[in-house]
Amino acid sequence: MAYQRNLPYKPGQKEVYKLSRSKIELFVQCSRCFWLDARLKISRPSSPPFQINKAIDELFKKEFDVYRKKAAPHPLMLDNQIKAIPYTHGDLDKWRHNFTGVTALHKPTNLHIFGAVDDIWVDDDGQLIVVDYKATAKNAEITLDSDWQIMYKRQMEIYQWLLRQNGFDVSDTGYFVYTNGRMDMDGFNDRIEFRTKVIPYTGNDDWVEPTIMKMKQCMEGNMPEVGTAAMGGECEHCAYARKRTELTLKHMQKFYKKGV
């Protein structure tokens, strides 16, 4: 099966087209930004990589892998009365890799959807549990109550959907292993201490497939005229591009009126 990843999408193409979990999130946030990315490969400006968060992810994986080999619950599971153990599967490394992940071919759209999970647990009934590692540093209690954290919830629901597309029995309840860097210490001393909280989340992936259908329609059509953010209002990236264009045109008009 031939997959395209880097080439722009061509309307009406017969080849399977590959879209990551993050592209679904991009579409939900702004259909115009998504269209520009898929059709013209004009991507949003990227932010610097969060290397500390990446390191924490890798260390969490190593830590849970110790208990995976033992087929035993991690202490965080015991502390939170979660009757599960880290899941063992031959494709786990592939599922965790950014450029492979858990994959599913959505046949109605011919879109190859993929997303890399942080971890998977399995409960006493054999249901798989999606687990996502998160890290932050703040004085406030860690929750999932902020408006922007809907992105985290959608992320988990896409992973649940992908695993179900592969025939797995997946629990609606997933967990965020969320660690918080302590800011109440007397000093740094080449060391940061963390407090980790396991937060359950009951997902609902009913929105995923209809969204994929809308993404395909968007890719086949003309560029959307309005970039609307997921939480309402104009997409900040579209707003910047519009303002910059207006300012540039205004400056050029003054420039040519002066006859320079």
Protein backbone atom coordinates (compact mmCIF):
# COMPACT_ATOMS: atom_id res chain seq x y z
CA MET A 1 0.00 0.00 0.00
CA ALA A 2 1.49 3.35 -1.06
CA TYR A 3 1.32 6.12 1.52
CA GLN A 4 2.00 9.80 0.92
CA ARG A 5 3.30 11.86 3.76
CA ASN A 6 5.25 14.84 2.50
CA LEU A 7 3.57 15.62 -0.83
CA PRO A 8 0.61 18.01 -0.97
CA TYR A 9 -2.80 16.42 -1.25
CA LYS A 10 -4.24 16.49 -4.77
CA PRO A 11 -8.04 16.67 -5.04
CA GLY A 12 -9.44 13.40 -6.32
CA GLN A 13 -6.23 11.47 -5.81
CA LYS A 14 -6.53 7.69 -5.53
CA GLU A 15 -3.42 7.13 -3.41
CA VAL A 16 -3.81 6.70 0.34
CA TYR A 17 -2.98 9.94 2.14
CA LYS A 18 -1.37 9.89 5.57
CA LEU A 19 -2.59 12.19 8.37
CA SER A 20 -1.32 12.28 11.94
CA ARG A 21 -3.33 12.73 15.08
CA SER A 22 -1.98 16.28 15.32
CA LYS A 23 -3.47 17.12 11.90
CA ILE A 24 -6.91 16.20 13.22
CA GLU A 25 -6.30 18.61 16.09
CA LEU A 26 -5.15 21.25 13.59
CA PHE A 27 -8.38 20.86 11.61
CA VAL A 28 -10.50 21.14 14.75
CA GLN A 29 -8.65 24.33 15.67
CA CYS A 30 -8.76 25.90 12.20
CA SER A 31 -9.93 24.44 8.90
CA ARG A 32 -8.03 27.11 6.94
CA CYS A 33 -4.70 26.32 8.61
CA PHE A 34 -5.36 22.63 7.97
CA TRP A 35 -6.15 23.23 4.28
CA LEU A 36 -2.95 25.24 3.81
CA ASP A 37 -0.96 22.44 5.45
CA ALA A 38 -2.54 19.57 3.51
CA ARG A 39 -2.88 21.20 0.09
CA LEU A 40 0.10 23.55 -0.05
CA LYS A 41 2.36 22.27 2.74
CA ILE A 42 2.33 25.71 4.35
CA SER A 43 2.57 24.84 8.03
CA ARG A 44 1.94 26.99 11.06
CA PRO A 45 5.11 28.39 12.66
CA SER A 46 6.45 25.75 15.01
CA SER A 47 7.35 26.31 18.64
CA PRO A 48 10.65 25.17 20.16
CA PRO A 49 10.62 21.51 21.26
CA PHE A 50 9.85 20.89 24.92
CA GLN A 51 12.96 18.89 25.70
CA ILE A 52 12.32 18.63 29.45
CA ASN A 53 8.86 17.19 28.75
CA LYS A 54 10.39 14.80 26.21
CA ALA A 55 12.92 13.61 28.78
CA ILE A 56 10.16 13.02 31.34
CA ASP A 57 8.17 11.03 28.77
CA GLU A 58 11.14 8.80 28.05
CA LEU A 59 11.86 8.25 31.75
CA PHE A 60 8.23 7.41 32.46
CA LYS A 61 8.32 4.84 29.65
CA LYS A 62 11.45 3.23 31.08
CA GLU A 63 9.90 3.21 34.55
CA PHE A 64 6.64 1.57 33.44
CA ASP A 65 8.55 -0.87 31.23
CA VAL A 66 10.20 -2.30 34.35
CA TYR A 67 6.77 -3.31 35.63
CA ARG A 68 5.68 -4.38 32.16
CA LYS A 69 8.43 -7.02 32.16
CA LYS A 70 7.27 -8.16 35.60
CA ALA A 71 3.59 -8.16 34.52
CA ALA A 72 2.99 -6.28 37.75
CA PRO A 73 1.19 -3.03 38.62
CA HIS A 74 3.21 0.15 38.97
CA PRO A 75 3.02 1.77 42.45
CA LEU A 76 1.00 4.64 40.95
CA MET A 77 -1.64 2.11 39.90
CA LEU A 78 -1.75 0.63 43.40
CA ASP A 79 -1.89 4.07 45.03
CA ASN A 80 -4.87 5.02 42.84
CA GLN A 81 -6.66 1.66 43.16
CA ILE A 82 -6.35 1.03 39.41
CA LYS A 83 -6.66 -2.69 38.80
CA ALA A 84 -4.38 -2.94 35.79
CA ILE A 85 -0.84 -3.65 34.65
CA PRO A 86 1.25 -2.17 31.81
CA TYR A 87 0.20 -3.85 28.55
CA THR A 88 2.61 -6.05 26.62
CA HIS A 89 2.31 -6.31 22.83
CA GLY A 90 4.72 -6.98 19.99
CA ASP A 91 3.84 -3.69 18.30
CA LEU A 92 4.13 -1.48 21.38
CA ASP A 93 7.41 0.12 20.27
CA LYS A 94 5.85 0.87 16.88
CA TRP A 95 2.75 2.33 18.54
CA ARG A 96 4.95 4.65 20.58
CA HIS A 97 7.05 5.89 17.66
CA ASN A 98 6.11 9.35 16.37
CA PHE A 99 6.22 8.50 12.66
CA THR A 100 4.41 5.16 12.84
CA GLY A 101 2.14 5.03 15.88
CA VAL A 102 -1.15 3.17 16.04
CA THR A 103 -2.56 3.22 12.50
CA ALA A 104 -5.92 2.80 10.82
CA LEU A 105 -6.99 3.14 7.19
CA HIS A 106 -10.29 5.01 7.10
CA LYS A 107 -11.75 3.40 3.99
CA PRO A 108 -14.56 5.91 3.26
CA THR A 109 -11.96 8.68 2.84
CA ASN A 110 -8.85 6.64 1.96
CA LEU A 111 -7.02 8.46 4.75
CA HIS A 112 -4.33 6.68 6.75
CA ILE A 113 -4.71 7.98 10.32
CA PHE A 114 -1.98 7.46 12.89
CA GLY A 115 -0.97 8.61 16.36
CA ALA A 116 1.79 7.70 18.81
CA VAL A 117 0.61 6.70 22.28
CA ASP A 118 2.67 7.18 25.44
CA ASP A 119 1.50 3.99 27.13
CA ILE A 120 -1.21 1.37 27.26
CA TRP A 121 -2.36 -0.54 30.32
CA VAL A 122 -4.68 -3.53 30.49
CA ASP A 123 -7.26 -4.09 33.24
CA ASP A 124 -8.43 -7.30 34.86
CA ASP A 125 -11.16 -7.71 32.22
CA GLY A 126 -8.69 -7.50 29.33
CA GLN A 127 -9.72 -4.00 28.26
CA LEU A 128 -6.95 -1.73 27.05
CA ILE A 129 -6.47 1.61 28.82
CA VAL A 130 -4.94 4.56 26.99
CA VAL A 131 -2.41 6.46 29.10
CA ASP A 132 -0.86 9.83 28.34
CA TYR A 133 2.09 11.38 30.16
CA LYS A 134 2.00 15.12 30.84
CA ALA A 135 4.42 17.44 32.63
CA THR A 136 4.22 21.00 33.89
CA ALA A 137 5.54 23.25 36.65
CA LYS A 138 3.13 25.46 38.58
CA ASN A 139 2.02 26.23 42.10
CA ALA A 140 -1.64 25.41 41.46
CA GLU A 141 -3.17 21.95 41.73
CA ILE A 142 -3.04 19.95 38.50
CA THR A 143 -6.44 19.47 36.85
CA LEU A 144 -7.93 19.03 33.39
CA ASP A 145 -10.35 21.92 33.84
CA SER A 146 -8.72 24.62 31.68
CA ASP A 147 -10.38 25.33 28.32
CA TRP A 148 -7.17 24.69 26.39
CA GLN A 149 -6.84 21.21 27.89
CA ILE A 150 -9.66 20.02 25.63
CA MET A 151 -6.73 19.30 23.28
CA TYR A 152 -5.45 16.67 25.72
CA LYS A 153 -8.88 15.07 25.91
CA ARG A 154 -9.28 14.95 22.13
CA GLN A 155 -5.80 13.46 21.88
CA MET A 156 -6.76 10.57 24.16
CA GLU A 157 -10.05 9.99 22.34
CA ILE A 158 -8.24 9.71 19.00
CA TYR A 159 -5.93 7.07 20.47
CA GLN A 160 -8.94 5.18 21.81
CA TRP A 161 -10.56 5.35 18.37
CA LEU A 162 -7.40 4.13 16.62
CA LEU A 163 -7.06 1.11 18.91
CA ARG A 164 -10.72 0.24 18.42
CA GLN A 165 -10.23 0.41 14.63
CA ASN A 166 -7.60 -2.28 15.12
CA GLY A 167 -10.10 -4.58 16.83
CA PHE A 168 -9.07 -4.01 20.45
CA ASP A 169 -11.50 -3.77 23.34
CA VAL A 170 -10.72 -0.33 24.77
CA SER A 171 -11.95 1.14 28.02
CA ASP A 172 -13.71 4.52 27.83
CA THR A 173 -11.64 5.53 30.85
CA GLY A 174 -8.07 6.56 30.19
CA TYR A 175 -5.51 8.12 32.52
CA PHE A 176 -3.24 11.13 32.43
CA VAL A 177 -0.06 10.55 34.39
CA TYR A 178 0.49 14.23 35.09
CA THR A 179 3.64 15.34 36.91
CA ASN A 180 4.25 18.80 38.35
CA GLY A 181 7.67 20.34 39.00
CA ARG A 182 7.79 21.68 42.55
CA MET A 183 8.41 25.40 42.86
CA ASP A 184 8.37 25.48 46.66
CA MET A 185 11.90 24.17 47.14
CA ASP A 186 14.72 26.25 48.67
CA GLY A 187 16.86 26.08 45.54
CA PHE A 188 17.64 24.31 42.31
CA ASN A 189 20.89 22.48 43.22
CA ASP A 190 20.91 20.64 39.88
CA ARG A 191 17.68 18.91 40.78
CA ILE A 192 13.94 19.39 40.28
CA GLU A 193 11.47 17.40 42.36
CA PHE A 194 8.12 16.42 40.96
CA ARG A 195 4.76 15.38 42.33
CA THR A 196 2.82 13.03 40.06
CA LYS A 197 -0.93 12.77 39.90
CA VAL A 198 -2.95 10.17 38.00
CA ILE A 199 -6.10 11.76 36.57
CA PRO A 200 -8.85 9.57 35.07
CA TYR A 201 -10.73 10.78 32.02
CA THR A 202 -13.78 9.19 30.43
CA GLY A 203 -13.48 9.65 26.69
CA ASN A 204 -16.03 9.63 23.89
CA ASP A 205 -14.66 9.11 20.38
CA ASP A 206 -17.99 9.59 18.58
CA TRP A 207 -16.72 12.84 17.07
CA VAL A 208 -13.61 11.34 15.43
CA GLU A 209 -15.06 9.68 12.33
CA PRO A 210 -17.41 12.56 11.39
CA THR A 211 -14.44 14.90 11.77
CA ILE A 212 -12.32 12.77 9.42
CA MET A 213 -15.13 12.95 6.85
CA LYS A 214 -15.18 16.75 7.16
CA MET A 215 -11.40 16.87 6.81
CA LYS A 216 -11.61 14.98 3.51
CA GLN A 217 -14.29 17.38 2.25
CA CYS A 218 -12.07 20.30 3.24
CA MET A 219 -9.07 18.81 1.42
CA GLU A 220 -11.12 18.34 -1.74
CA GLY A 221 -12.51 21.88 -1.74
CA ASN A 222 -11.25 25.43 -1.99
CA MET A 223 -9.42 27.18 0.81
CA PRO A 224 -11.84 28.09 3.61
CA GLU A 225 -12.38 31.85 3.76
CA VAL A 226 -12.52 32.17 7.54
CA GLY A 227 -10.15 30.63 10.03
CA THR A 228 -12.12 29.92 13.18
CA ALA A 229 -10.52 28.69 16.39
CA ALA A 230 -11.96 25.63 18.11
CA MET A 231 -12.90 27.63 21.23
CA GLY A 232 -14.49 30.45 19.24
CA GLY A 233 -13.16 33.60 17.66
CA GLU A 234 -10.68 34.04 14.86
CA CYS A 235 -7.69 31.71 14.67
CA GLU A 236 -4.70 33.66 16.00
CA HIS A 237 -2.50 32.50 13.14
CA CYS A 238 -5.05 33.60 10.53
CA ALA A 239 -5.54 36.86 12.40
CA TYR A 240 -1.80 37.55 12.31
CA ALA A 241 -1.58 36.73 8.60
CA ARG A 242 -4.53 39.01 7.82
CA LYS A 243 -3.20 41.93 9.85
CA ARG A 244 0.28 41.54 8.39
CA THR A 245 -1.10 41.52 4.84
CA GLU A 246 -3.24 44.61 5.52
CA LEU A 247 -0.28 46.47 6.98
CA THR A 248 1.99 45.47 4.10
CA LEU A 249 -0.52 46.61 1.49
CA LYS A 250 -1.08 49.88 3.34
CA HIS A 251 2.65 50.50 3.47
CA MET A 252 3.05 49.70 -0.24
CA GLN A 253 0.26 52.14 -1.16
CA LYS A 254 2.03 54.94 0.73
CA PHE A 255 5.30 53.94 -0.89
CA TYR A 256 3.94 54.19 -4.45
CA LYS A 257 1.95 57.41 -3.78
CA LYS A 258 5.21 59.11 -2.90
CA GLY A 259 6.56 58.00 -6.24
CA VAL A 260 9.60 56.42 -4.65
